[in-house]
Amino acid sequence: MRKYNDDALVAGYGLGAMFSGAYGYAWIFSFNQSVNVHVSKAFGAQDYNGCARYFRRNIVLLALFMIPLIIGFLTADKIMMFFGIKEELATIAGQFTKLSTLFMGGSILFDTMKCFVIAQKVFHPILYIQLFTLGLHIMWS
C-alpha cells in the first residue's frame, strides 16, 4: 500500500465502502427489515412457528443473494473502471470490497439474528453484543 499516496487511499477506501454499502449491504439490511416486520406480526399473533419460518426463509434468500453479491464484490474494481473511475482508485476500492467478502457472512447472520430477536421484544442480548463490539472497536483503533 505504500505505493499509493494518502489521498488516493482515503478516496479508494471511501469508494469501496460506498460500493459495498450501495451494492450489497443496503439490500441485506432491507431483507432483514422485512424479516423484522413479518416476525413481529407472527409474534404478535402468537404464531411462533411462523416466526421461525420467516427467519429460515430469509436465511435461504440471503444465502442465494450472496452468490451474485460475492461475484460483484470480487469484480468491483473492474465494474468501477468500466464506469470511468481511475484505475488507481478502482484498485484500492477493489481491495476493500475483496476484504469485505471475508466478513460478509458473519455480518449477514448477525444482522438477521438481531432483527429476529428484536422482533420478539428481546433487547438485552443485542445491547450487550453491541457494547462488546464497541469495546473491541475502541481497543483496535
Protein backbone atom coordinates (compact mmCIF):
# COMPACT_ATOMS: atom_id res chain seq x y z
CA MET A 1 0.00 0.00 0.00
CA ARG A 2 2.96 2.35 0.28
CA LYS A 3 2.97 2.97 -3.47
CA TYR A 4 -0.26 4.99 -3.17
CA ASN A 5 -0.44 8.47 -1.69
CA ASP A 6 -2.68 9.17 1.28
CA ASP A 7 -5.34 10.99 -0.74
CA ALA A 8 -5.72 8.03 -3.06
CA LEU A 9 -6.04 5.64 -0.11
CA VAL A 10 -8.76 7.70 1.53
CA ALA A 11 -10.63 8.15 -1.75
CA GLY A 12 -10.21 4.49 -2.73
CA TYR A 13 -11.36 3.08 0.58
CA GLY A 14 -14.25 5.55 0.68
CA LEU A 15 -15.24 4.45 -2.80
CA GLY A 16 -15.00 0.81 -1.75
CA ALA A 17 -17.15 1.44 1.33
CA MET A 18 -19.71 3.27 -0.80
CA PHE A 19 -19.78 0.42 -3.32
CA SER A 20 -20.17 -2.16 -0.55
CA GLY A 21 -22.95 -0.21 1.08
CA ALA A 22 -24.89 0.61 -2.07
CA TYR A 23 -24.36 -2.67 -3.91
CA GLY A 24 -24.62 -5.11 -1.05
CA TYR A 25 -25.34 -4.07 2.48
CA ALA A 26 -28.33 -1.89 1.62
CA TRP A 27 -30.00 -4.95 0.11
CA ILE A 28 -29.04 -7.17 3.04
CA PHE A 29 -30.43 -4.74 5.60
CA SER A 30 -33.61 -4.39 3.53
CA PHE A 31 -34.13 -8.15 3.55
CA ASN A 32 -33.59 -8.18 7.31
CA GLN A 33 -36.02 -5.34 7.97
CA SER A 34 -38.61 -7.32 6.06
CA VAL A 35 -37.98 -10.23 8.42
CA ASN A 36 -38.34 -7.86 11.36
CA VAL A 37 -41.81 -6.83 10.18
CA HIS A 38 -43.01 -10.36 9.39
CA VAL A 39 -41.64 -11.90 12.58
CA SER A 40 -43.17 -9.10 14.67
CA LYS A 41 -46.52 -9.75 13.02
CA ALA A 42 -46.25 -13.50 13.62
CA PHE A 43 -45.05 -12.99 17.20
CA GLY A 44 -47.97 -10.65 17.94
CA ALA A 45 -50.35 -13.30 16.59
CA GLN A 46 -48.56 -15.91 18.76
CA ASP A 47 -47.62 -17.86 15.62
CA TYR A 48 -44.20 -18.99 16.85
CA ASN A 49 -43.78 -21.48 14.01
CA GLY A 50 -44.38 -18.57 11.63
CA CYS A 51 -41.56 -16.63 13.33
CA ALA A 52 -39.14 -19.46 12.68
CA ARG A 53 -40.44 -19.94 9.13
CA TYR A 54 -39.82 -16.28 8.22
CA PHE A 55 -36.35 -16.42 9.77
CA ARG A 56 -35.38 -19.55 7.83
CA ARG A 57 -36.75 -18.15 4.57
CA ASN A 58 -34.69 -15.02 4.98
CA ILE A 59 -31.53 -17.04 5.64
CA VAL A 60 -32.12 -19.03 2.43
CA LEU A 61 -32.82 -15.87 0.42
CA LEU A 62 -29.70 -14.18 1.74
CA ALA A 63 -27.60 -17.27 1.04
CA LEU A 64 -28.82 -17.20 -2.57
CA PHE A 65 -28.25 -13.44 -2.74
CA MET A 66 -24.65 -13.89 -1.55
CA ILE A 67 -23.65 -15.59 -4.80
CA PRO A 68 -24.08 -12.55 -7.09
CA LEU A 69 -23.02 -10.28 -4.24
CA ILE A 70 -19.67 -12.02 -3.82
CA ILE A 71 -19.12 -12.00 -7.59
CA GLY A 72 -19.85 -8.28 -7.64
CA PHE A 73 -17.53 -7.58 -4.71
CA LEU A 74 -14.70 -9.61 -6.24
CA THR A 75 -15.01 -7.80 -9.56
CA ALA A 76 -15.81 -4.35 -8.13
CA ASP A 77 -12.59 -2.80 -9.43
CA LYS A 78 -13.42 -3.85 -12.99
CA ILE A 79 -17.00 -2.61 -12.63
CA MET A 80 -15.77 0.76 -11.40
CA MET A 81 -13.22 1.09 -14.20
CA PHE A 82 -15.97 0.28 -16.70
CA PHE A 83 -17.92 3.28 -15.37
CA GLY A 84 -14.91 5.60 -15.68
CA ILE A 85 -13.26 5.51 -12.23
CA LYS A 86 -9.47 5.91 -12.38
CA GLU A 87 -7.57 2.65 -12.24
CA GLU A 88 -5.64 3.60 -9.09
CA LEU A 89 -8.81 4.39 -7.12
CA ALA A 90 -10.66 1.38 -8.50
CA THR A 91 -7.80 -0.92 -7.45
CA ILE A 92 -7.82 0.40 -3.89
CA ALA A 93 -11.63 0.20 -3.74
CA GLY A 94 -11.44 -3.33 -5.13
CA GLN A 95 -9.08 -4.35 -2.32
CA PHE A 96 -11.60 -3.03 0.19
CA THR A 97 -14.51 -4.91 -1.37
CA LYS A 98 -12.48 -8.12 -1.68
CA LEU A 99 -11.59 -7.94 2.01
CA SER A 100 -15.18 -7.22 2.97
CA THR A 101 -16.30 -10.52 1.42
CA LEU A 102 -14.45 -12.31 4.25
CA PHE A 103 -16.76 -10.78 6.84
CA MET A 104 -19.98 -10.62 4.86
CA GLY A 105 -21.37 -13.96 6.05
CA GLY A 106 -20.92 -13.07 9.71
CA SER A 107 -22.41 -9.64 9.17
CA ILE A 108 -25.43 -11.13 7.42
CA LEU A 109 -26.01 -13.69 10.17
CA PHE A 110 -25.58 -11.16 12.96
CA ASP A 111 -27.96 -8.64 11.44
CA THR A 112 -30.54 -11.33 10.61
CA MET A 113 -30.46 -12.75 14.13
CA LYS A 114 -30.58 -9.24 15.58
CA CYS A 115 -33.74 -8.44 13.61
CA PHE A 116 -35.26 -11.80 14.53
CA VAL A 117 -34.62 -11.30 18.24
CA ILE A 118 -35.71 -7.64 18.33
CA ALA A 119 -38.95 -8.56 16.57
CA GLN A 120 -39.73 -10.75 19.58
CA LYS A 121 -39.12 -7.93 22.09
CA VAL A 122 -35.76 -9.23 23.34
CA PHE A 123 -33.34 -6.30 23.59
CA HIS A 124 -30.74 -7.01 26.28
CA PRO A 125 -28.54 -9.55 24.40
CA ILE A 126 -28.29 -7.19 21.42
CA LEU A 127 -27.31 -4.33 23.72
CA TYR A 128 -24.55 -6.41 25.32
CA ILE A 129 -23.25 -7.63 21.96
CA GLN A 130 -23.11 -4.10 20.58
CA LEU A 131 -21.37 -2.76 23.70
CA PHE A 132 -18.81 -5.58 23.48
CA THR A 133 -18.27 -4.82 19.79
CA LEU A 134 -17.87 -1.12 20.58
CA GLY A 135 -15.20 -2.02 23.12
CA LEU A 136 -13.37 -4.09 20.52
CA HIS A 137 -13.51 -1.22 18.03
CA ILE A 138 -12.09 1.19 20.58
CA MET A 139 -9.37 -1.28 21.53
CA TRP A 140 -8.37 -1.90 17.89
CA SER A 141 -8.41 1.78 16.89
